PDB file of N, CA and C in Angstrom:
ATOM      1  N   PHE A   1      13.431   5.758 111.049  1.00  0.00           N
ATOM      2  CA  PHE A   1      13.155   4.556 110.295  1.00  0.00           C
ATOM      3  C   PHE A   1      12.877   3.383 111.234  1.00  0.00           C
ATOM      4  N   ARG A   2      13.764   3.212 112.200  1.00  0.00           N
ATOM      5  CA  ARG A   2      13.654   2.097 113.134  1.00  0.00           C
ATOM      6  C   ARG A   2      12.346   2.146 113.903  1.00  0.00           C
ATOM      7  N   THR A   3      11.842   3.346 114.168  1.00  0.00           N
ATOM      8  CA  THR A   3      10.587   3.494 114.892  1.00  0.00           C
ATOM      9  C   THR A   3       9.396   3.030 114.048  1.00  0.00           C
ATOM     10  N   PHE A   4       9.447   3.293 112.762  1.00  0.00           N
ATOM     11  CA  PHE A   4       8.344   2.911 111.879  1.00  0.00           C
ATOM     12  C   PHE A   4       8.402   1.444 111.479  1.00  0.00           C
ATOM     13  N   ASP A   5       9.588   0.846 111.461  1.00  0.00           N
ATOM     14  CA  ASP A   5       9.752  -0.556 111.057  1.00  0.00           C
ATOM     15  C   ASP A   5       9.433  -1.456 112.250  1.00  0.00           C
ATOM     16  N   THR A   6       8.152  -1.608 112.539  1.00  0.00           N
ATOM     17  CA  THR A   6       7.732  -2.291 113.773  1.00  0.00           C
ATOM     18  C   THR A   6       8.073  -3.770 113.799  1.00  0.00           C
ATOM     19  N   ASP A   7       8.136  -4.425 112.636  1.00  0.00           N
ATOM     20  CA  ASP A   7       8.483  -5.850 112.633  1.00  0.00           C
ATOM     21  C   ASP A   7       9.990  -6.079 112.451  1.00  0.00           C
ATOM     22  N   LYS A   8      10.756  -4.981 112.409  1.00  0.00           N
ATOM     23  CA  LYS A   8      12.236  -5.013 112.364  1.00  0.00           C
ATOM     24  C   LYS A   8      12.786  -5.865 111.203  1.00  0.00           C
ATOM     25  N   ASN A   9      12.126  -5.786 110.038  1.00  0.00           N
ATOM     26  CA  ASN A   9      12.611  -6.552 108.886  1.00  0.00           C
ATOM     27  C   ASN A   9      13.446  -5.710 107.925  1.00  0.00           C
ATOM     28  N   GLY A  10      13.714  -4.458 108.289  1.00  0.00           N
ATOM     29  CA  GLY A  10      14.540  -3.594 107.458  1.00  0.00           C
ATOM     30  C   GLY A  10      13.775  -2.868 106.364  1.00  0.00           C
ATOM     31  N   GLU A  11      12.457  -3.009 106.368  1.00  0.00           N
ATOM     32  CA  GLU A  11      11.621  -2.348 105.372  1.00  0.00           C
ATOM     33  C   GLU A  11      10.381  -1.779 106.043  1.00  0.00           C
ATOM     34  N   ILE A  12       9.878  -0.701 105.487  1.00  0.00           N
ATOM     35  CA  ILE A  12       8.614  -0.149 105.961  1.00  0.00           C
ATOM     36  C   ILE A  12       7.561  -0.534 104.939  1.00  0.00           C
ATOM     37  N   ASP A  13       6.670  -1.430 105.349  1.00  0.00           N
ATOM     38  CA  ASP A  13       5.607  -1.839 104.429  1.00  0.00           C
ATOM     39  C   ASP A  13       4.449  -0.842 104.526  1.00  0.00           C
ATOM     40  N   PHE A  14       3.447  -1.045 103.707  1.00  0.00           N
ATOM     41  CA  PHE A  14       2.338  -0.100 103.632  1.00  0.00           C
ATOM     42  C   PHE A  14       1.600   0.027 104.955  1.00  0.00           C
ATOM     43  N   LYS A  15       1.378  -1.091 105.632  1.00  0.00           N
ATOM     44  CA  LYS A  15       0.688  -1.068 106.927  1.00  0.00           C
ATOM     45  C   LYS A  15       1.479  -0.247 107.950  1.00  0.00           C
ATOM     46  N   GLU A  16       2.800  -0.463 108.025  1.00  0.00           N
ATOM     47  CA  GLU A  16       3.644   0.301 108.960  1.00  0.00           C
ATOM     48  C   GLU A  16       3.623   1.787 108.606  1.00  0.00           C
ATOM     49  N   PHE A  17       3.630   2.075 107.313  1.00  0.00           N
ATOM     50  CA  PHE A  17       3.576   3.462 106.865  1.00  0.00           C
ATOM     51  C   PHE A  17       2.275   4.125 107.312  1.00  0.00           C
ATOM     52  N   LEU A  18       1.153   3.449 107.085  1.00  0.00           N
ATOM     53  CA  LEU A  18      -0.140   4.008 107.477  1.00  0.00           C
ATOM     54  C   LEU A  18      -0.250   4.176 108.986  1.00  0.00           C
ATOM     55  N   LEU A  19       0.258   3.207 109.742  1.00  0.00           N
ATOM     56  CA  LEU A  19       0.229   3.321 111.200  1.00  0.00           C
ATOM     57  C   LEU A  19       1.058   4.507 111.673  1.00  0.00           C
ATOM     58  N   SER A  20       2.211   4.719 111.057  1.00  0.00           N
ATOM     59  CA  SER A  20       3.066   5.837 111.470  1.00  0.00           C
ATOM     60  C   SER A  20       2.405   7.172 111.153  1.00  0.00           C
ATOM     61  N   ILE A  21       1.748   7.264 110.016  1.00  0.00           N
ATOM     62  CA  ILE A  21       1.026   8.494 109.663  1.00  0.00           C
ATOM     63  C   ILE A  21      -0.109   8.735 110.649  1.00  0.00           C
ATOM     64  N   ASP A  22      -0.839   7.678 110.987  1.00  0.00           N
ATOM     65  CA  ASP A  22      -1.964   7.801 111.909  1.00  0.00           C
ATOM     66  C   ASP A  22      -1.512   8.271 113.286  1.00  0.00           C
ATOM     67  N   VAL A  23      -0.486   7.642 113.823  1.00  0.00           N
ATOM     68  CA  VAL A  23      -0.015   7.997 115.171  1.00  0.00           C
ATOM     69  C   VAL A  23       0.523   9.420 115.206  1.00  0.00           C
ATOM     70  N   THR A  24       1.297   9.801 114.196  1.00  0.00           N
ATOM     71  CA  THR A  24       1.921  11.121 114.222  1.00  0.00           C
ATOM     72  C   THR A  24       0.954  12.245 113.897  1.00  0.00           C
ATOM     73  N   SER A  25      -0.171  11.927 113.230  1.00  0.00           N
ATOM     74  CA  SER A  25      -1.082  13.008 112.865  1.00  0.00           C
ATOM     75  C   SER A  25      -2.366  13.041 113.696  1.00  0.00           C
ATOM     76  N   SER A  26      -2.899  11.881 114.082  1.00  0.00           N
ATOM     77  CA  SER A  26      -4.189  11.908 114.756  1.00  0.00           C
ATOM     78  C   SER A  26      -4.216  11.143 116.071  1.00  0.00           C
ATOM     79  N   GLY A  27      -3.086  10.687 116.530  1.00  0.00           N
ATOM     80  CA  GLY A  27      -3.056   9.941 117.784  1.00  0.00           C
ATOM     81  C   GLY A  27      -3.285  10.838 118.982  1.00  0.00           C
ATOM     82  N   THR A  28      -3.542  10.196 120.113  1.00  0.00           N
ATOM     83  CA  THR A  28      -3.686  10.940 121.365  1.00  0.00           C
ATOM     84  C   THR A  28      -2.313  11.487 121.764  1.00  0.00           C
ATOM     85  N   PRO A  29      -2.267  12.453 122.660  1.00  0.00           N
ATOM     86  CA  PRO A  29      -0.963  12.934 123.125  1.00  0.00           C
ATOM     87  C   PRO A  29      -0.085  11.801 123.667  1.00  0.00           C
ATOM     88  N   GLU A  30      -0.694  10.869 124.391  1.00  0.00           N
ATOM     89  CA  GLU A  30       0.072   9.746 124.945  1.00  0.00           C
ATOM     90  C   GLU A  30       0.640   8.862 123.835  1.00  0.00           C
ATOM     91  N   GLU A  31      -0.152   8.612 122.782  1.00  0.00           N
ATOM     92  CA  GLU A  31       0.327   7.807 121.658  1.00  0.00           C
ATOM     93  C   GLU A  31       1.477   8.504 120.937  1.00  0.00           C
ATOM     94  N   LYS A  32       1.343   9.806 120.757  1.00  0.00           N
ATOM     95  CA  LYS A  32       2.402  10.572 120.097  1.00  0.00           C
ATOM     96  C   LYS A  32       3.675  10.559 120.941  1.00  0.00           C
ATOM     97  N   LEU A  33       3.523  10.666 122.257  1.00  0.00           N
ATOM     98  CA  LEU A  33       4.689  10.643 123.139  1.00  0.00           C
ATOM     99  C   LEU A  33       5.324   9.257 123.179  1.00  0.00           C
ATOM    100  N   ASN A  34       4.519   8.199 123.138  1.00  0.00           N
ATOM    101  CA  ASN A  34       5.075   6.843 123.067  1.00  0.00           C
ATOM    102  C   ASN A  34       5.885   6.668 121.791  1.00  0.00           C
ATOM    103  N   TRP A  35       5.362   7.194 120.690  1.00  0.00           N
ATOM    104  CA  TRP A  35       6.085   7.140 119.417  1.00  0.00           C
ATOM    105  C   TRP A  35       7.390   7.934 119.517  1.00  0.00           C
ATOM    106  N   ALA A  36       7.311   9.138 120.069  1.00  0.00           N
ATOM    107  CA  ALA A  36       8.510   9.975 120.212  1.00  0.00           C
ATOM    108  C   ALA A  36       9.539   9.288 121.104  1.00  0.00           C
ATOM    109  N   PHE A  37       9.088   8.693 122.196  1.00  0.00           N
ATOM    110  CA  PHE A  37      10.004   7.999 123.095  1.00  0.00           C
ATOM    111  C   PHE A  37      10.746   6.895 122.356  1.00  0.00           C
ATOM    112  N   SER A  38      10.026   6.103 121.583  1.00  0.00           N
ATOM    113  CA  SER A  38      10.685   5.000 120.877  1.00  0.00           C
ATOM    114  C   SER A  38      11.672   5.520 119.845  1.00  0.00           C
ATOM    115  N   MET A  39      11.428   6.706 119.317  1.00  0.00           N
ATOM    116  CA  MET A  39      12.375   7.306 118.379  1.00  0.00           C
ATOM    117  C   MET A  39      13.630   7.785 119.117  1.00  0.00           C
ATOM    118  N   TYR A  40      13.467   8.330 120.303  1.00  0.00           N
ATOM    119  CA  TYR A  40      14.597   8.870 121.062  1.00  0.00           C
ATOM    120  C   TYR A  40      15.392   7.785 121.774  1.00  0.00           C
ATOM    121  N   ASP A  41      14.753   6.670 122.084  1.00  0.00           N
ATOM    122  CA  ASP A  41      15.440   5.536 122.717  1.00  0.00           C
ATOM    123  C   ASP A  41      16.195   4.774 121.619  1.00  0.00           C
ATOM    124  N   VAL A  42      17.305   5.329 121.212  1.00  0.00           N
ATOM    125  CA  VAL A  42      18.038   4.855 120.034  1.00  0.00           C
ATOM    126  C   VAL A  42      18.437   3.388 120.148  1.00  0.00           C
ATOM    127  N   ASP A  43      18.917   2.972 121.310  1.00  0.00           N
ATOM    128  CA  ASP A  43      19.390   1.592 121.449  1.00  0.00           C
ATOM    129  C   ASP A  43      18.278   0.609 121.830  1.00  0.00           C
ATOM    130  N   GLY A  44      17.076   1.112 122.024  1.00  0.00           N
ATOM    131  CA  GLY A  44      15.922   0.253 122.273  1.00  0.00           C
ATOM    132  C   GLY A  44      15.928  -0.481 123.604  1.00  0.00           C
ATOM    133  N   ASN A  45      16.659   0.048 124.593  1.00  0.00           N
ATOM    134  CA  ASN A  45      16.743  -0.635 125.882  1.00  0.00           C
ATOM    135  C   ASN A  45      15.622  -0.263 126.847  1.00  0.00           C
ATOM    136  N   GLY A  46      14.702   0.589 126.425  1.00  0.00           N
ATOM    137  CA  GLY A  46      13.566   0.928 127.275  1.00  0.00           C
ATOM    138  C   GLY A  46      13.730   2.199 128.078  1.00  0.00           C
ATOM    139  N   TRP A  47      14.837   2.880 127.926  1.00  0.00           N
ATOM    140  CA  TRP A  47      15.032   4.172 128.587  1.00  0.00           C
ATOM    141  C   TRP A  47      15.937   5.043 127.735  1.00  0.00           C
ATOM    142  N   ILE A  48      15.909   6.342 128.050  1.00  0.00           N
ATOM    143  CA  ILE A  48      16.772   7.314 127.388  1.00  0.00           C
ATOM    144  C   ILE A  48      17.839   7.704 128.383  1.00  0.00           C
ATOM    145  N   ASP A  49      19.099   7.613 127.962  1.00  0.00           N
ATOM    146  CA  ASP A  49      20.178   8.050 128.836  1.00  0.00           C
ATOM    147  C   ASP A  49      20.650   9.433 128.380  1.00  0.00           C
ATOM    148  N   LEU A  50      21.551  10.018 129.134  1.00  0.00           N
ATOM    149  CA  LEU A  50      22.014  11.376 128.832  1.00  0.00           C
ATOM    150  C   LEU A  50      22.685  11.440 127.465  1.00  0.00           C
ATOM    151  N   GLU A  51      23.397  10.408 127.079  1.00  0.00           N
ATOM    152  CA  GLU A  51      24.058  10.401 125.769  1.00  0.00           C
ATOM    153  C   GLU A  51      23.025  10.457 124.637  1.00  0.00           C
ATOM    154  N   GLU A  52      21.962   9.664 124.757  1.00  0.00           N
ATOM    155  CA  GLU A  52      20.907   9.694 123.735  1.00  0.00           C
ATOM    156  C   GLU A  52      20.230  11.062 123.707  1.00  0.00           C
ATOM    157  N   MET A  53      19.961  11.618 124.880  1.00  0.00           N
ATOM    158  CA  MET A  53      19.331  12.931 124.963  1.00  0.00           C
ATOM    159  C   MET A  53      20.225  13.993 124.324  1.00  0.00           C
ATOM    160  N   THR A  54      21.524  13.910 124.576  1.00  0.00           N
ATOM    161  CA  THR A  54      22.458  14.884 124.023  1.00  0.00           C
ATOM    162  C   THR A  54      22.522  14.774 122.500  1.00  0.00           C
ATOM    163  N   LYS A  55      22.518  13.557 121.982  1.00  0.00           N
ATOM    164  CA  LYS A  55      22.518  13.373 120.527  1.00  0.00           C
ATOM    165  C   LYS A  55      21.254  13.941 119.910  1.00  0.00           C
ATOM    166  N   LEU A  56      20.127  13.700 120.544  1.00  0.00           N
ATOM    167  CA  LEU A  56      18.847  14.188 120.049  1.00  0.00           C
ATOM    168  C   LEU A  56      18.828  15.719 120.010  1.00  0.00           C
ATOM    169  N   VAL A  57      19.144  16.328 121.127  1.00  0.00           N
ATOM    170  CA  VAL A  57      19.121  17.787 121.201  1.00  0.00           C
ATOM    171  C   VAL A  57      20.168  18.369 120.257  1.00  0.00           C
ATOM    172  N   GLY A  58      21.337  17.730 120.166  1.00  0.00           N
ATOM    173  CA  GLY A  58      22.374  18.187 119.242  1.00  0.00           C
ATOM    174  C   GLY A  58      21.904  18.152 117.803  1.00  0.00           C
ATOM    175  N   SER A  59      21.171  17.119 117.428  1.00  0.00           N
ATOM    176  CA  SER A  59      20.643  17.012 116.063  1.00  0.00           C
ATOM    177  C   SER A  59      19.677  18.148 115.762  1.00  0.00           C
ATOM    178  N   ILE A  60      18.848  18.479 116.731  1.00  0.00           N
ATOM    179  CA  ILE A  60      17.903  19.583 116.554  1.00  0.00           C
ATOM    180  C   ILE A  60      18.656  20.891 116.383  1.00  0.00           C
ATOM    181  N   TYR A  61      19.651  21.113 117.211  1.00  0.00           N
ATOM    182  CA  TYR A  61      20.451  22.336 117.097  1.00  0.00           C
ATOM    183  C   TYR A  61      21.175  22.399 115.755  1.00  0.00           C
ATOM    184  N   LYS A  62      21.666  21.273 115.263  1.00  0.00           N
ATOM    185  CA  LYS A  62      22.343  21.257 113.962  1.00  0.00           C
ATOM    186  C   LYS A  62      21.381  21.595 112.840  1.00  0.00           C
ATOM    187  N   MET A  63      20.142  21.099 112.922  1.00  0.00           N
ATOM    188  CA  MET A  63      19.151  21.424 111.892  1.00  0.00           C
ATOM    189  C   MET A  63      18.846  22.921 111.896  1.00  0.00           C
ATOM    190  N   ILE A  64      18.774  23.490 113.076  1.00  0.00           N
ATOM    191  CA  ILE A  64      18.478  24.917 113.190  1.00  0.00           C
ATOM    192  C   ILE A  64      19.630  25.745 112.614  1.00  0.00           C
ATOM    193  N   GLY A  65      20.844  25.294 112.835  1.00  0.00           N
ATOM    194  CA  GLY A  65      22.010  26.073 112.434  1.00  0.00           C
ATOM    195  C   GLY A  65      22.738  25.549 111.205  1.00  0.00           C
ATOM    196  N   THR A  66      22.024  24.981 110.247  1.00  0.00           N
ATOM    197  CA  THR A  66      22.693  24.362 109.097  1.00  0.00           C
ATOM    198  C   THR A  66      23.464  25.357 108.241  1.00  0.00           C
ATOM    199  N   HIS A  67      23.107  26.616 108.285  1.00  0.00           N
ATOM    200  CA  HIS A  67      23.793  27.603 107.445  1.00  0.00           C
ATOM    201  C   HIS A  67      24.748  28.476 108.255  1.00  0.00           C
ATOM    202  N   GLN A  68      25.186  27.981 109.381  1.00  0.00           N
ATOM    203  CA  GLN A  68      26.052  28.744 110.265  1.00  0.00           C
ATOM    204  C   GLN A  68      27.524  28.419 110.011  1.00  0.00           C
ATOM    205  N   THR A  69      28.394  29.304 110.462  1.00  0.00           N
ATOM    206  CA  THR A  69      29.829  29.082 110.354  1.00  0.00           C
ATOM    207  C   THR A  69      30.279  28.071 111.400  1.00  0.00           C
ATOM    208  N   GLN A  70      31.496  27.592 111.291  1.00  0.00           N
ATOM    209  CA  GLN A  70      32.036  26.637 112.259  1.00  0.00           C
ATOM    210  C   GLN A  70      32.010  27.208 113.674  1.00  0.00           C
ATOM    211  N   THR A  71      32.278  28.495 113.819  1.00  0.00           N
ATOM    212  CA  THR A  71      32.247  29.131 115.137  1.00  0.00           C
ATOM    213  C   THR A  71      30.849  29.034 115.736  1.00  0.00           C
ATOM    214  N   HIS A  72      29.854  29.329 114.920  1.00  0.00           N
ATOM    215  CA  HIS A  72      28.482  29.249 115.406  1.00  0.00           C
ATOM    216  C   HIS A  72      28.081  27.807 115.699  1.00  0.00           C
ATOM    217  N   LEU A  73      28.539  26.862 114.888  1.00  0.00           N
ATOM    218  CA  LEU A  73      28.213  25.456 115.117  1.00  0.00           C
ATOM    219  C   LEU A  73      28.783  24.963 116.438  1.00  0.00           C
ATOM    220  N   ALA A  74      30.003  25.402 116.770  1.00  0.00           N
ATOM    221  CA  ALA A  74      30.611  25.024 118.056  1.00  0.00           C
ATOM    222  C   ALA A  74      29.781  25.587 119.209  1.00  0.00           C
ATOM    223  N   LYS A  75      29.291  26.811 119.038  1.00  0.00           N
ATOM    224  CA  LYS A  75      28.442  27.426 120.059  1.00  0.00           C
ATOM    225  C   LYS A  75      27.138  26.641 120.203  1.00  0.00           C
ATOM    226  N   TYR A  76      26.518  26.257 119.060  1.00  0.00           N
ATOM    227  CA  TYR A  76      25.292  25.454 119.094  1.00  0.00           C
ATOM    228  C   TYR A  76      25.532  24.130 119.809  1.00  0.00           C
ATOM    229  N   GLU A  77      26.674  23.502 119.554  1.00  0.00           N
ATOM    230  CA  GLU A  77      26.979  22.215 120.178  1.00  0.00           C
ATOM    231  C   GLU A  77      27.061  22.347 121.694  1.00  0.00           C
ATOM    232  N   ALA A  78      27.734  23.397 122.160  1.00  0.00           N
ATOM    233  CA  ALA A  78      27.849  23.622 123.599  1.00  0.00           C
ATOM    234  C   ALA A  78      26.472  23.908 124.213  1.00  0.00           C
ATOM    235  N   GLU A  79      25.673  24.726 123.524  1.00  0.00           N
ATOM    236  CA  GLU A  79      24.331  25.031 124.012  1.00  0.00           C
ATOM    237  C   GLU A  79      23.461  23.772 124.037  1.00  0.00           C
ATOM    238  N   ALA A  80      23.605  22.929 123.013  1.00  0.00           N
ATOM    239  CA  ALA A  80      22.823  21.689 122.939  1.00  0.00           C
ATOM    240  C   ALA A  80      23.150  20.781 124.114  1.00  0.00           C
ATOM    241  N   LYS A  81      24.418  20.671 124.468  1.00  0.00           N
ATOM    242  CA  LYS A  81      24.809  19.827 125.601  1.00  0.00           C
ATOM    243  C   LYS A  81      24.191  20.331 126.894  1.00  0.00           C
ATOM    244  N   GLU A  82      24.225  21.628 127.106  1.00  0.00           N
ATOM    245  CA  GLU A  82      23.647  22.198 128.326  1.00  0.00           C
ATOM    246  C   GLU A  82      22.128  22.035 128.345  1.00  0.00           C
ATOM    247  N   ARG A  83      21.512  22.258 127.201  1.00  0.00           N
ATOM    248  CA  ARG A  83      20.055  22.094 127.106  1.00  0.00           C
ATOM    249  C   ARG A  83      19.661  20.639 127.378  1.00  0.00           C
ATOM    250  N   ALA A  84      20.416  19.702 126.805  1.00  0.00           N
ATOM    251  CA  ALA A  84      20.143  18.278 127.013  1.00  0.00           C
ATOM    252  C   ALA A  84      20.258  17.919 128.494  1.00  0.00           C
ATOM    253  N   LYS A  85      21.275  18.440 129.162  1.00  0.00           N
ATOM    254  CA  LYS A  85      21.440  18.162 130.599  1.00  0.00           C
ATOM    255  C   LYS A  85      20.239  18.673 131.388  1.00  0.00           C
ATOM    256  N   GLY A  86      19.768  19.880 131.041  1.00  0.00           N
ATOM    257  CA  GLY A  86      18.620  20.460 131.743  1.00  0.00           C
ATOM    258  C   GLY A  86      17.343  19.662 131.518  1.00  0.00           C
ATOM    259  N   ILE A  87      17.109  19.263 130.277  1.00  0.00           N
ATOM    260  CA  ILE A  87      15.919  18.465 129.962  1.00  0.00           C
ATOM    261  C   ILE A  87      15.992  17.120 130.669  1.00  0.00           C
ATOM    262  N   PHE A  88      17.172  16.514 130.605  1.00  0.00           N
ATOM    263  CA  PHE A  88      17.355  15.204 131.222  1.00  0.00           C
ATOM    264  C   PHE A  88      17.104  15.277 132.728  1.00  0.00           C
ATOM    265  N   LYS A  89      17.620  16.315 133.349  1.00  0.00           N
ATOM    266  CA  LYS A  89      17.442  16.473 134.798  1.00  0.00           C
ATOM    267  C   LYS A  89      15.961  16.605 135.152  1.00  0.00           C
ATOM    268  N   ARG A  90      15.186  17.338 134.335  1.00  0.00           N
ATOM    269  CA  ARG A  90      13.751  17.483 134.590  1.00  0.00           C
ATOM    270  C   ARG A  90      13.009  16.165 134.389  1.00  0.00           C
ATOM    271  N   MET A  91      13.429  15.399 133.379  1.00  0.00           N
ATOM    272  CA  MET A  91      12.706  14.171 133.044  1.00  0.00           C
ATOM    273  C   MET A  91      13.067  12.994 133.938  1.00  0.00           C
ATOM    274  N   ASP A  92      14.283  12.962 134.444  1.00  0.00           N
ATOM    275  CA  ASP A  92      14.732  11.837 135.273  1.00  0.00           C
ATOM    276  C   ASP A  92      14.198  12.039 136.694  1.00  0.00           C
ATOM    277  N   ILE A  93      12.925  11.784 136.846  1.00  0.00           N
ATOM    278  CA  ILE A  93      12.209  12.090 138.088  1.00  0.00           C
ATOM    279  C   ILE A  93      12.820  11.409 139.311  1.00  0.00           C
ATOM    280  N   ASN A  94      13.225  10.159 139.167  1.00  0.00           N
ATOM    281  CA  ASN A  94      13.779   9.440 140.319  1.00  0.00           C
ATOM    282  C   ASN A  94      15.313   9.480 140.382  1.00  0.00           C
ATOM    283  N   ASN A  95      15.926  10.280 139.531  1.00  0.00           N
ATOM    284  CA  ASN A  95      17.378  10.506 139.553  1.00  0.00           C
ATOM    285  C   ASN A  95      18.203   9.225 139.469  1.00  0.00           C
ATOM    286  N   ASP A  96      17.770   8.292 138.621  1.00  0.00           N
ATOM    287  CA  ASP A  96      18.534   7.051 138.469  1.00  0.00           C
ATOM    288  C   ASP A  96      19.420   7.036 137.216  1.00  0.00           C
ATOM    289  N   GLY A  97      19.492   8.175 136.522  1.00  0.00           N
ATOM    290  CA  GLY A  97      20.326   8.250 135.324  1.00  0.00           C
ATOM    291  C   GLY A  97      19.660   7.703 134.075  1.00  0.00           C
ATOM    292  N   LYS A  98      18.353   7.435 134.162  1.00  0.00           N
ATOM    293  CA  LYS A  98      17.583   6.896 133.042  1.00  0.00           C
ATOM    294  C   LYS A  98      16.238   7.611 132.981  1.00  0.00           C
ATOM    295  N   VAL A  99      15.801   7.912 131.778  1.00  0.00           N
ATOM    296  CA  VAL A  99      14.458   8.453 131.597  1.00  0.00           C
ATOM    297  C   VAL A  99      13.614   7.340 130.992  1.00  0.00           C
ATOM    298  N   THR A 100      12.675   6.846 131.777  1.00  0.00           N
ATOM    299  CA  THR A 100      11.784   5.787 131.314  1.00  0.00           C
ATOM    300  C   THR A 100      10.660   6.391 130.467  1.00  0.00           C
ATOM    301  N   LYS A 101       9.919   5.529 129.803  1.00  0.00           N
ATOM    302  CA  LYS A 101       8.784   5.995 129.009  1.00  0.00           C
ATOM    303  C   LYS A 101       7.776   6.717 129.890  1.00  0.00           C
ATOM    304  N   GLU A 102       7.574   6.209 131.102  1.00  0.00           N
ATOM    305  CA  GLU A 102       6.630   6.833 132.022  1.00  0.00           C
ATOM    306  C   GLU A 102       7.100   8.228 132.427  1.00  0.00           C
ATOM    307  N   GLU A 103       8.387   8.353 132.779  1.00  0.00           N
ATOM    308  CA  GLU A 103       8.932   9.660 133.151  1.00  0.00           C
ATOM    309  C   GLU A 103       8.864  10.633 131.980  1.00  0.00           C
ATOM    310  N   PHE A 104       9.210  10.150 130.797  1.00  0.00           N
ATOM    311  CA  PHE A 104       9.188  10.958 129.581  1.00  0.00           C
ATOM    312  C   PHE A 104       7.774  11.488 129.325  1.00  0.00           C
ATOM    313  N   THR A 105       6.806  10.584 129.358  1.00  0.00           N
ATOM    314  CA  THR A 105       5.417  10.949 129.086  1.00  0.00           C
ATOM    315  C   THR A 105       4.881  11.915 130.136  1.00  0.00           C
ATOM    316  N   LYS A 106       5.103  11.596 131.401  1.00  0.00           N
ATOM    317  CA  LYS A 106       4.622  12.448 132.504  1.00  0.00           C
ATOM    318  C   LYS A 106       5.203  13.854 132.392  1.00  0.00           C
ATOM    319  N   THR A 107       6.500  13.958 132.178  1.00  0.00           N
ATOM    320  CA  THR A 107       7.152  15.266 132.107  1.00  0.00           C
ATOM    321  C   THR A 107       6.665  16.065 130.906  1.00  0.00           C
ATOM    322  N   CYS A 108       6.560  15.416 129.754  1.00  0.00           N
ATOM    323  CA  CYS A 108       6.103  16.123 128.553  1.00  0.00           C
ATOM    324  C   CYS A 108       4.662  16.611 128.693  1.00  0.00           C
ATOM    325  N   LEU A 109       3.808  15.807 129.299  1.00  0.00           N
ATOM    326  CA  LEU A 109       2.408  16.201 129.473  1.00  0.00           C
ATOM    327  C   LEU A 109       2.264  17.336 130.477  1.00  0.00           C
ATOM    328  N   GLU A 110       3.163  17.405 131.452  1.00  0.00           N
ATOM    329  CA  GLU A 110       3.060  18.426 132.494  1.00  0.00           C
ATOM    330  C   GLU A 110       3.825  19.711 132.171  1.00  0.00           C
ATOM    331  N   ASP A 111       4.813  19.644 131.266  1.00  0.00           N
ATOM    332  CA  ASP A 111       5.658  20.808 130.983  1.00  0.00           C
ATOM    333  C   ASP A 111       5.427  21.251 129.546  1.00  0.00           C
ATOM    334  N   GLU A 112       4.669  22.328 129.383  1.00  0.00           N
ATOM    335  CA  GLU A 112       4.321  22.797 128.027  1.00  0.00           C
ATOM    336  C   GLU A 112       5.534  23.309 127.246  1.00  0.00           C
ATOM    337  N   ASN A 113       6.636  23.579 127.911  1.00  0.00           N
ATOM    338  CA  ASN A 113       7.851  24.025 127.213  1.00  0.00           C
ATOM    339  C   ASN A 113       8.567  22.892 126.501  1.00  0.00           C
ATOM    340  N   LEU A 114       8.262  21.660 126.878  1.00  0.00           N
ATOM    341  CA  LEU A 114       8.880  20.516 126.217  1.00  0.00           C
ATOM    342  C   LEU A 114       8.024  20.094 125.044  1.00  0.00           C
TER     343      LEU A 114
END
């Protein structure tokens, strides 16, 4: 929601809705990655930290395992943390503990597994 609400007024108007549809469906790879970065940069500080990456990957794992038992969910959580650490390590090119938009975009464009 926060990514689509570009004027930060708490509502998505028609123009913001159309722009979000355009970027996510027909934008260039760089535009799509810029959009994805702004979605993953939860606190809006201009970089993704390991905590944000872990929450993101954890959310994906939870969606995949929505019909799993508690035992399986605990396993997914542990796997998500390890996966997030691995992704973060690949993306944090200069090892400063932050993934910038440039690092995010460069890594995603170069690594087809991401």
